[in-house]
N, C-alpha and C. Protein backbone atom coordinates (compact mmCIF):
# COMPACT_ATOMS: atom_id res chain seq x y z
N MET A 1 -4.09 -19.93 -0.56
CA MET A 1 -2.77 -18.97 -0.84
C MET A 1 -1.60 -18.60 -0.26
N SER A 2 -0.38 -18.89 -1.06
CA SER A 2 0.79 -19.23 -0.23
C SER A 2 1.32 -17.99 0.22
N LEU A 3 1.97 -17.95 1.10
CA LEU A 3 2.42 -16.55 2.11
C LEU A 3 3.87 -15.75 1.24
N GLN A 4 4.18 -16.54 -0.11
CA GLN A 4 5.19 -16.30 -1.32
C GLN A 4 4.30 -15.49 -2.41
N GLU A 5 2.87 -16.24 -2.47
CA GLU A 5 1.92 -15.48 -3.55
C GLU A 5 1.13 -14.13 -2.89
N PHE A 6 1.21 -14.41 -1.38
CA PHE A 6 0.52 -13.14 -0.93
C PHE A 6 1.59 -12.21 -0.98
N ASP A 7 2.78 -12.50 -0.36
CA ASP A 7 3.61 -11.55 -0.90
C ASP A 7 4.10 -10.75 -1.53
N ALA A 8 3.53 -11.40 -2.63
CA ALA A 8 3.75 -10.90 -4.09
C ALA A 8 2.89 -9.66 -4.49
N LEU A 9 1.87 -10.45 -4.11
CA LEU A 9 0.48 -9.69 -4.71
C LEU A 9 0.40 -8.05 -3.94
N ILE A 10 0.75 -8.29 -2.26
CA ILE A 10 0.89 -7.19 -2.36
C ILE A 10 1.71 -6.02 -1.98
N ASP A 11 3.22 -6.92 -2.09
CA ASP A 11 4.02 -6.11 -3.00
C ASP A 11 4.41 -5.04 -4.08
N LYS A 12 2.94 -6.08 -5.23
CA LYS A 12 2.36 -5.00 -6.72
C LYS A 12 1.54 -4.12 -5.79
N MET A 13 0.99 -4.54 -5.25
CA MET A 13 -0.44 -3.41 -4.87
C MET A 13 0.31 -2.61 -4.15
N THR A 14 1.44 -2.56 -3.15
CA THR A 14 1.88 -1.57 -2.49
C THR A 14 2.37 -0.51 -3.35
N LEU A 15 3.36 -1.15 -4.32
CA LEU A 15 3.89 -0.21 -5.29
C LEU A 15 3.07 1.01 -6.21
N ALA A 16 1.93 -0.29 -6.36
CA ALA A 16 1.44 0.73 -7.11
C ALA A 16 0.33 1.92 -6.16
N PHE A 17 0.05 1.75 -4.94
CA PHE A 17 -0.83 2.51 -3.74
C PHE A 17 0.72 3.74 -3.96
N GLU A 18 1.74 3.54 -4.02
CA GLU A 18 2.60 4.38 -3.28
C GLU A 18 2.90 5.24 -4.38
N TYR A 19 2.84 4.75 -6.24
CA TYR A 19 2.75 5.55 -7.15
C TYR A 19 1.48 6.33 -7.26
N VAL A 20 0.23 6.02 -7.02
CA VAL A 20 -0.89 7.32 -6.77
C VAL A 20 -0.64 7.90 -5.97
N ASP A 21 -0.94 7.89 -4.56
CA ASP A 21 -0.43 8.13 -3.71
C ASP A 21 0.37 9.64 -3.57
N ASN A 22 1.59 8.87 -4.03
CA ASN A 22 2.94 10.15 -4.45
C ASN A 22 2.44 11.16 -5.68
N LEU A 23 1.53 10.95 -6.36
CA LEU A 23 1.29 11.22 -7.47
C LEU A 23 -0.45 12.55 -6.92
N GLY A 24 -0.87 11.99 -5.85
CA GLY A 24 -1.81 13.12 -5.45
C GLY A 24 -3.22 12.57 -6.06
N GLN A 25 -2.93 11.31 -6.31
CA GLN A 25 -4.04 10.59 -6.86
C GLN A 25 -5.00 9.45 -5.95
N TYR A 26 -5.64 10.23 -4.87
CA TYR A 26 -5.92 9.70 -3.68
C TYR A 26 -7.44 8.99 -3.84
N ILE A 27 -8.09 9.27 -5.14
CA ILE A 27 -9.05 8.18 -5.59
C ILE A 27 -8.53 6.50 -5.46
N ASP A 28 -7.88 6.76 -6.39
CA ASP A 28 -7.43 5.64 -7.03
C ASP A 28 -6.21 5.12 -5.81
N ALA A 29 -5.66 5.73 -4.98
CA ALA A 29 -4.93 5.18 -4.04
C ALA A 29 -5.61 4.32 -2.88
N ALA A 30 -6.90 5.02 -2.86
CA ALA A 30 -7.82 4.47 -1.74
C ALA A 30 -8.62 3.24 -2.28
N LYS A 31 -8.69 3.17 -3.93
CA LYS A 31 -9.57 2.14 -4.67
C LYS A 31 -8.52 0.55 -4.19
N VAL A 32 -6.81 0.90 -4.20
CA VAL A 32 -6.01 0.09 -3.81
C VAL A 32 -6.20 -0.71 -2.81
N LEU A 33 -6.33 0.54 -1.52
CA LEU A 33 -6.18 -0.14 -0.39
C LEU A 33 -7.51 -1.06 -0.16
N PHE A 34 -8.98 -0.45 -0.90
CA PHE A 34 -9.68 -1.38 -0.96
C PHE A 34 -9.40 -3.13 -1.53
N GLN A 35 -9.19 -3.34 -2.37
CA GLN A 35 -8.29 -4.02 -2.83
C GLN A 35 -7.51 -4.91 -1.93
N MET A 36 -6.38 -4.13 -1.32
CA MET A 36 -5.34 -5.20 -0.46
C MET A 36 -6.62 -5.13 0.64
N ASN A 37 -7.38 -4.89 1.27
CA ASN A 37 -8.10 -5.08 2.62
C ASN A 37 -8.90 -6.43 1.83
N GLU A 38 -9.27 -6.43 0.51
CA GLU A 38 -10.63 -7.58 -0.12
C GLU A 38 -9.60 -8.92 -0.17
N GLN A 39 -7.84 -9.13 -0.56
CA GLN A 39 -7.27 -10.17 0.07
C GLN A 39 -6.90 -10.29 1.62
N LEU A 40 -7.80 -9.61 2.16
CA LEU A 40 -7.25 -10.44 3.32
C LEU A 40 -8.70 -11.35 4.43
N PRO A 41 -8.42 -12.38 4.94
CA PRO A 41 -9.43 -13.23 5.16
C PRO A 41 -10.34 -12.49 6.02
N ASP A 42 -11.72 -12.94 5.51
CA ASP A 42 -13.00 -12.28 6.66
C ASP A 42 -12.55 -11.60 8.01
N ASP A 43 -12.36 -12.54 8.59
CA ASP A 43 -12.07 -11.88 9.89
C ASP A 43 -11.36 -11.09 10.32
N ILE A 44 -10.02 -11.01 9.37
CA ILE A 44 -9.25 -9.59 9.72
C ILE A 44 -9.26 -8.19 8.50
N GLN A 45 -10.25 -8.30 7.73
CA GLN A 45 -10.82 -7.47 6.68
C GLN A 45 -11.32 -6.55 7.83
N LEU A 46 -10.83 -5.30 7.10
CA LEU A 46 -11.46 -3.81 7.86
C LEU A 46 -13.16 -3.50 6.99
N SER A 47 -13.47 -3.10 8.17
CA SER A 47 -14.71 -2.31 7.43
C SER A 47 -14.59 -1.11 6.93
N LEU A 48 -14.72 -1.23 5.47
CA LEU A 48 -14.47 0.28 5.33
C LEU A 48 -15.33 1.37 4.41
N GLU A 49 -15.18 2.14 5.05
CA GLU A 49 -16.88 3.20 4.48
C GLU A 49 -16.50 3.40 2.91
N GLU A 50 -17.39 3.90 2.24
CA GLU A 50 -17.50 3.93 1.31
C GLU A 50 -17.12 5.50 0.90
N LEU A 51 -16.62 6.11 -0.33
CA LEU A 51 -16.10 7.51 -0.22
C LEU A 51 -16.74 7.92 -0.80
N GLU A 52 -17.36 9.24 -0.46
CA GLU A 52 -17.96 10.05 -0.86
C GLU A 52 -18.16 10.75 -2.15
N ASN A 53 -16.86 11.84 -2.02
CA ASN A 53 -16.27 12.58 -2.89
C ASN A 53 -15.40 12.44 -2.99
N SER A 54 -14.18 12.95 -3.71
CA SER A 54 -12.48 12.89 -4.43
C SER A 54 -12.08 13.52 -2.41
N GLU A 55 -12.73 14.69 -2.25
CA GLU A 55 -11.90 15.37 -1.06
C GLU A 55 -12.27 14.57 0.31
N THR A 56 -13.18 13.14 0.06
CA THR A 56 -12.61 12.61 1.56
C THR A 56 -11.85 11.60 1.18
N ALA A 57 -11.41 11.39 -0.10
CA ALA A 57 -10.28 10.45 -0.74
C ALA A 57 -8.93 10.39 0.70
N LYS A 58 -8.61 11.82 0.25
CA LYS A 58 -7.17 11.80 1.28
C LYS A 58 -7.45 11.31 2.86
N SER A 59 -8.29 12.01 3.51
CA SER A 59 -8.52 11.61 5.03
C SER A 59 -9.00 9.82 4.82
N PHE A 60 -9.84 9.43 3.75
CA PHE A 60 -10.07 8.03 4.12
C PHE A 60 -8.36 7.40 3.80
N ILE A 61 -7.36 7.89 2.84
CA ILE A 61 -6.12 6.65 3.33
C ILE A 61 -5.55 7.07 4.24
N MET A 62 -5.35 7.87 4.96
CA MET A 62 -5.06 8.65 6.20
C MET A 62 -5.10 7.71 6.99
N GLN A 63 -6.87 7.84 7.27
CA GLN A 63 -7.25 7.05 8.11
C GLN A 63 -6.92 5.47 8.08
N TYR A 64 -6.56 4.83 6.85
CA TYR A 64 -7.14 3.21 6.74
C TYR A 64 -5.97 2.78 6.29
N HIS A 65 -4.67 3.44 5.84
CA HIS A 65 -3.14 2.65 5.58
C HIS A 65 -2.85 2.11 6.62
N SER A 66 -2.97 2.98 7.44
CA SER A 66 -1.77 1.79 8.72
C SER A 66 -2.55 0.69 8.94
N GLU A 67 -4.16 0.83 9.27
CA GLU A 67 -4.45 -0.17 9.71
C GLU A 67 -4.99 -1.44 8.58
N ILE A 68 -5.15 -1.02 7.12
CA ILE A 68 -4.70 -2.26 6.45
C ILE A 68 -3.22 -2.89 6.50
N LYS A 69 -2.06 -1.87 6.86
CA LYS A 69 -0.81 -2.33 6.70
C LYS A 69 -0.59 -3.29 8.32
N SER A 70 -1.05 -3.41 8.94
CA SER A 70 -1.16 -4.12 10.06
C SER A 70 -2.07 -5.05 10.20
N ALA A 71 -3.12 -5.39 9.50
CA ALA A 71 -3.87 -6.45 8.77
C ALA A 71 -3.39 -7.68 8.31
N ILE A 72 -2.28 -6.81 7.43
CA ILE A 72 -1.58 -7.51 6.32
C ILE A 72 -0.42 -8.06 7.44
N THR A 73 0.14 -7.46 7.74
CA THR A 73 1.35 -8.15 8.75
C THR A 73 0.50 -8.90 9.85
N GLN A 74 -0.47 -9.16 10.32
CA GLN A 74 -1.43 -9.95 11.18
C GLN A 74 -1.48 -11.66 10.03
N TYR A 75 -2.00 -11.00 8.84
CA TYR A 75 -2.30 -12.14 8.15
C TYR A 75 -0.89 -12.82 7.76
N ARG A 76 -0.02 -12.18 7.21
CA ARG A 76 1.21 -12.86 7.26
C ARG A 76 1.95 -13.53 8.11
N GLN A 77 1.60 -12.93 9.15
CA GLN A 77 2.41 -14.07 10.69
C GLN A 77 1.37 -15.27 10.66
N ARG A 78 0.17 -15.30 10.00
CA ARG A 78 -0.61 -16.71 10.13
C ARG A 78 -0.36 -17.45 9.37
N LEU A 79 -0.02 -17.09 7.87
CA LEU A 79 0.54 -17.50 6.83
C LEU A 79 1.89 -18.23 7.52
N MET A 80 2.67 -17.62 8.05
CA MET A 80 3.95 -18.31 8.50
C MET A 80 3.71 -19.27 9.00
N ASN A 81 2.89 -19.23 10.03
CA ASN A 81 2.33 -20.40 10.58
C ASN A 81 2.12 -21.57 10.66
N TYR A 82 1.45 -21.46 9.09
CA TYR A 82 0.95 -22.70 8.83
C TYR A 82 1.80 -24.11 8.03
C-alpha cells in the first residue's frame, strides 16, 4: 500500500471514528479502532483486548485511541522512507 492510499484510508476511518465517538456510540468507535489497527503491519499492530460489554467500550477507546494514532504515525514514517 502506498503512503497516499494509506493516508486516504486512515483519513476515512478517522472521520468515522470521530463521528461515532462524538455521538457517544462507543462500541462503533471501538470497532473503527480495531479496523484501523488491522491496517497496520503485524509488527506494529497493538494487541487489543476484546470488548466484554458496552460499558467497557468507552474505557477501551480512552486506552487505545492514542496508541493506535502513534502506531499509525510510525507506519506513515516507514512508508515515507520507502
